[in-house]
Amino acid sequence: MKFWDSSALVPLFVEESATAAMRDVLRADREVIAWWCTPTECASAIARLEREGSLTTADCSAALRRLDDLCASWYEVQPVPAVRVLARRLLRAHNLRAADALQLAAAVVAAENDPSSLAIVSLDARFSTTAAKEGFTVFPARGE
């Protein structure tokens, strides 16, 4: 079981350079944990690709269906007060955006406050670096 950042999930729904690698990670472990806002973050990224002309309307619709299919099977960390409290601490301790702080706090909650017990899948360098500093194992490892 791994916690997935939206940056690592989007390549599962649209073809990107990291698509094959992310599919391999998912094939190796189908149990996904995600933050409550992750579906919205993924939909935002997919819609942006459509607006920029990188995806056709049909491709965008298909990507959103794939997102919905995976969402139906993953474990979702809800927006509980503990996430908000942890996010605030993370914002003071690290150079994070609010959404990333909430996402990382959700991972800490999912790990039951033991980051060494849960791996994170992320393609965002800043998020990955911070997650590693907080004690998570991060996939793919930097340099892969």
Protein backbone atom coordinates (compact mmCIF):
# COMPACT_ATOMS: atom_id res chain seq x y z
CA MET A 1 0.00 0.00 0.00
CA LYS A 2 1.36 3.41 -1.01
CA PHE A 3 0.16 6.99 -0.71
CA TRP A 4 -0.09 8.56 -4.18
CA ASP A 5 0.47 12.24 -4.86
CA SER A 6 -1.60 13.68 -7.72
CA SER A 7 1.60 14.31 -9.70
CA ALA A 8 2.14 10.55 -9.90
CA LEU A 9 -1.50 9.72 -10.59
CA VAL A 10 -2.05 12.00 -13.60
CA PRO A 11 0.29 9.94 -15.84
CA LEU A 12 -2.00 6.97 -15.22
CA PHE A 13 -4.84 8.86 -16.92
CA VAL A 14 -3.01 10.70 -19.72
CA GLU A 15 0.04 9.66 -21.70
CA GLU A 16 3.16 11.33 -20.33
CA SER A 17 6.85 10.43 -20.12
CA ALA A 18 6.28 8.90 -16.68
CA THR A 19 3.23 6.83 -17.68
CA ALA A 20 5.03 3.49 -18.06
CA ALA A 21 6.92 3.88 -14.79
CA MET A 22 3.78 4.85 -12.84
CA ARG A 23 1.84 1.93 -14.34
CA ASP A 24 4.65 -0.39 -13.19
CA VAL A 25 4.45 0.99 -9.64
CA LEU A 26 0.67 0.53 -9.63
CA ARG A 27 0.89 -3.00 -11.07
CA ALA A 28 3.30 -3.96 -8.28
CA ASP A 29 0.89 -2.69 -5.60
CA ARG A 30 -2.74 -1.96 -6.52
CA GLU A 31 -3.62 -0.56 -3.08
CA VAL A 32 -3.69 3.22 -3.42
CA ILE A 33 -4.17 5.75 -0.64
CA ALA A 34 -4.95 9.32 -1.67
CA TRP A 35 -5.96 12.61 -0.10
CA TRP A 36 -9.58 13.73 -0.28
CA CYS A 37 -8.79 16.55 -2.77
CA THR A 38 -6.65 14.39 -5.05
CA PRO A 39 -9.51 13.70 -7.52
CA THR A 40 -9.99 17.46 -7.91
CA GLU A 41 -6.26 18.07 -8.36
CA CYS A 42 -6.09 15.34 -11.02
CA ALA A 43 -9.19 16.66 -12.80
CA SER A 44 -7.62 20.13 -12.77
CA ALA A 45 -4.44 18.85 -14.41
CA ILE A 46 -6.41 16.91 -17.04
CA ALA A 47 -8.64 19.90 -17.82
CA ARG A 48 -5.58 22.15 -18.13
CA LEU A 49 -4.13 19.75 -20.73
CA GLU A 50 -7.40 19.95 -22.67
CA ARG A 51 -7.45 23.78 -22.50
CA GLU A 52 -3.84 23.90 -23.70
CA GLY A 53 -4.70 21.66 -26.65
CA SER A 54 -2.62 18.67 -25.49
CA LEU A 55 -5.77 16.56 -25.11
CA THR A 56 -8.83 16.37 -27.33
CA THR A 57 -12.26 16.60 -25.73
CA ALA A 58 -12.67 12.85 -26.22
CA ASP A 59 -9.25 12.13 -24.66
CA CYS A 60 -10.08 14.40 -21.73
CA SER A 61 -13.38 12.59 -21.13
CA ALA A 62 -11.64 9.22 -21.30
CA ALA A 63 -8.96 10.39 -18.84
CA LEU A 64 -11.61 11.60 -16.41
CA ARG A 65 -13.38 8.22 -16.66
CA ARG A 66 -10.08 6.46 -15.84
CA LEU A 67 -9.67 8.81 -12.88
CA ASP A 68 -13.20 7.96 -11.65
CA ASP A 69 -12.51 4.23 -12.04
CA LEU A 70 -9.34 4.37 -9.94
CA CYS A 71 -10.95 6.69 -7.35
CA ALA A 72 -13.65 4.08 -6.81
CA SER A 73 -11.04 1.57 -5.65
CA TRP A 74 -8.64 3.63 -3.56
CA TYR A 75 -8.56 4.47 0.13
CA GLU A 76 -9.19 8.16 0.71
CA VAL A 77 -7.96 10.23 3.64
CA GLN A 78 -10.80 12.53 4.65
CA PRO A 79 -10.38 16.21 5.64
CA VAL A 80 -10.27 15.56 9.38
CA PRO A 81 -8.99 18.19 11.84
CA ALA A 82 -5.72 16.28 12.32
CA VAL A 83 -4.85 16.88 8.66
CA ARG A 84 -5.37 20.63 9.04
CA VAL A 85 -3.26 20.77 12.22
CA LEU A 86 -0.43 18.78 10.64
CA ALA A 87 -0.56 20.84 7.45
CA ARG A 88 -0.07 24.01 9.44
CA ARG A 89 3.04 22.56 11.10
CA LEU A 90 4.37 21.39 7.73
CA LEU A 91 3.90 24.87 6.25
CA ARG A 92 6.04 26.36 9.00
CA ALA A 93 8.71 23.68 8.72
CA HIS A 94 9.01 23.29 4.93
CA ASN A 95 8.77 25.24 1.69
CA LEU A 96 5.38 23.87 0.59
CA ARG A 97 2.24 25.16 -1.09
CA ALA A 98 -0.97 24.80 0.93
CA ALA A 99 -2.31 21.92 -1.19
CA ASP A 100 0.97 20.03 -0.86
CA ALA A 101 1.00 20.56 2.90
CA LEU A 102 -2.53 19.17 3.14
CA GLN A 103 -1.60 16.22 0.95
CA LEU A 104 1.53 15.44 2.99
CA ALA A 105 -0.43 15.82 6.23
CA ALA A 106 -2.97 13.34 4.87
CA ALA A 107 -0.12 10.90 4.23
CA VAL A 108 1.07 11.33 7.83
CA VAL A 109 -2.47 10.60 9.05
CA ALA A 110 -2.68 7.56 6.76
CA ALA A 111 0.64 6.37 8.20
CA GLU A 112 -0.79 6.78 11.71
CA ASN A 113 1.98 9.31 12.51
CA ASP A 114 4.72 6.84 11.51
CA PRO A 115 5.96 7.98 8.08
CA SER A 116 8.46 5.12 7.94
CA SER A 117 5.51 2.72 7.70
CA LEU A 118 4.18 4.09 4.39
CA ALA A 119 5.74 4.85 1.01
CA ILE A 120 4.72 7.83 -1.11
CA VAL A 121 4.58 7.87 -4.90
CA SER A 122 5.28 11.35 -6.28
CA LEU A 123 6.84 13.02 -9.31
CA ASP A 124 6.93 16.46 -7.68
CA ALA A 125 10.53 17.16 -6.60
CA ARG A 126 9.70 19.61 -3.80
CA PHE A 127 6.95 17.39 -2.40
CA SER A 128 9.19 14.30 -2.64
CA THR A 129 12.09 16.02 -0.88
CA THR A 130 9.84 17.18 1.94
CA ALA A 131 8.20 13.76 2.28
CA ALA A 132 11.63 12.14 2.55
CA LYS A 133 12.65 14.68 5.22
CA GLU A 134 9.49 13.76 7.13
CA GLY A 135 10.56 10.08 7.07
CA PHE A 136 8.67 8.61 4.13
CA THR A 137 10.20 6.37 1.49
CA VAL A 138 9.48 8.03 -1.85
CA PHE A 139 8.93 6.35 -5.23
CA PRO A 140 10.38 6.76 -7.70
CA ALA A 141 13.64 7.37 -5.89
CA ARG A 142 15.37 10.54 -7.03
CA GLY A 143 17.60 9.80 -9.99
CA GLU A 144 15.32 7.09 -11.42
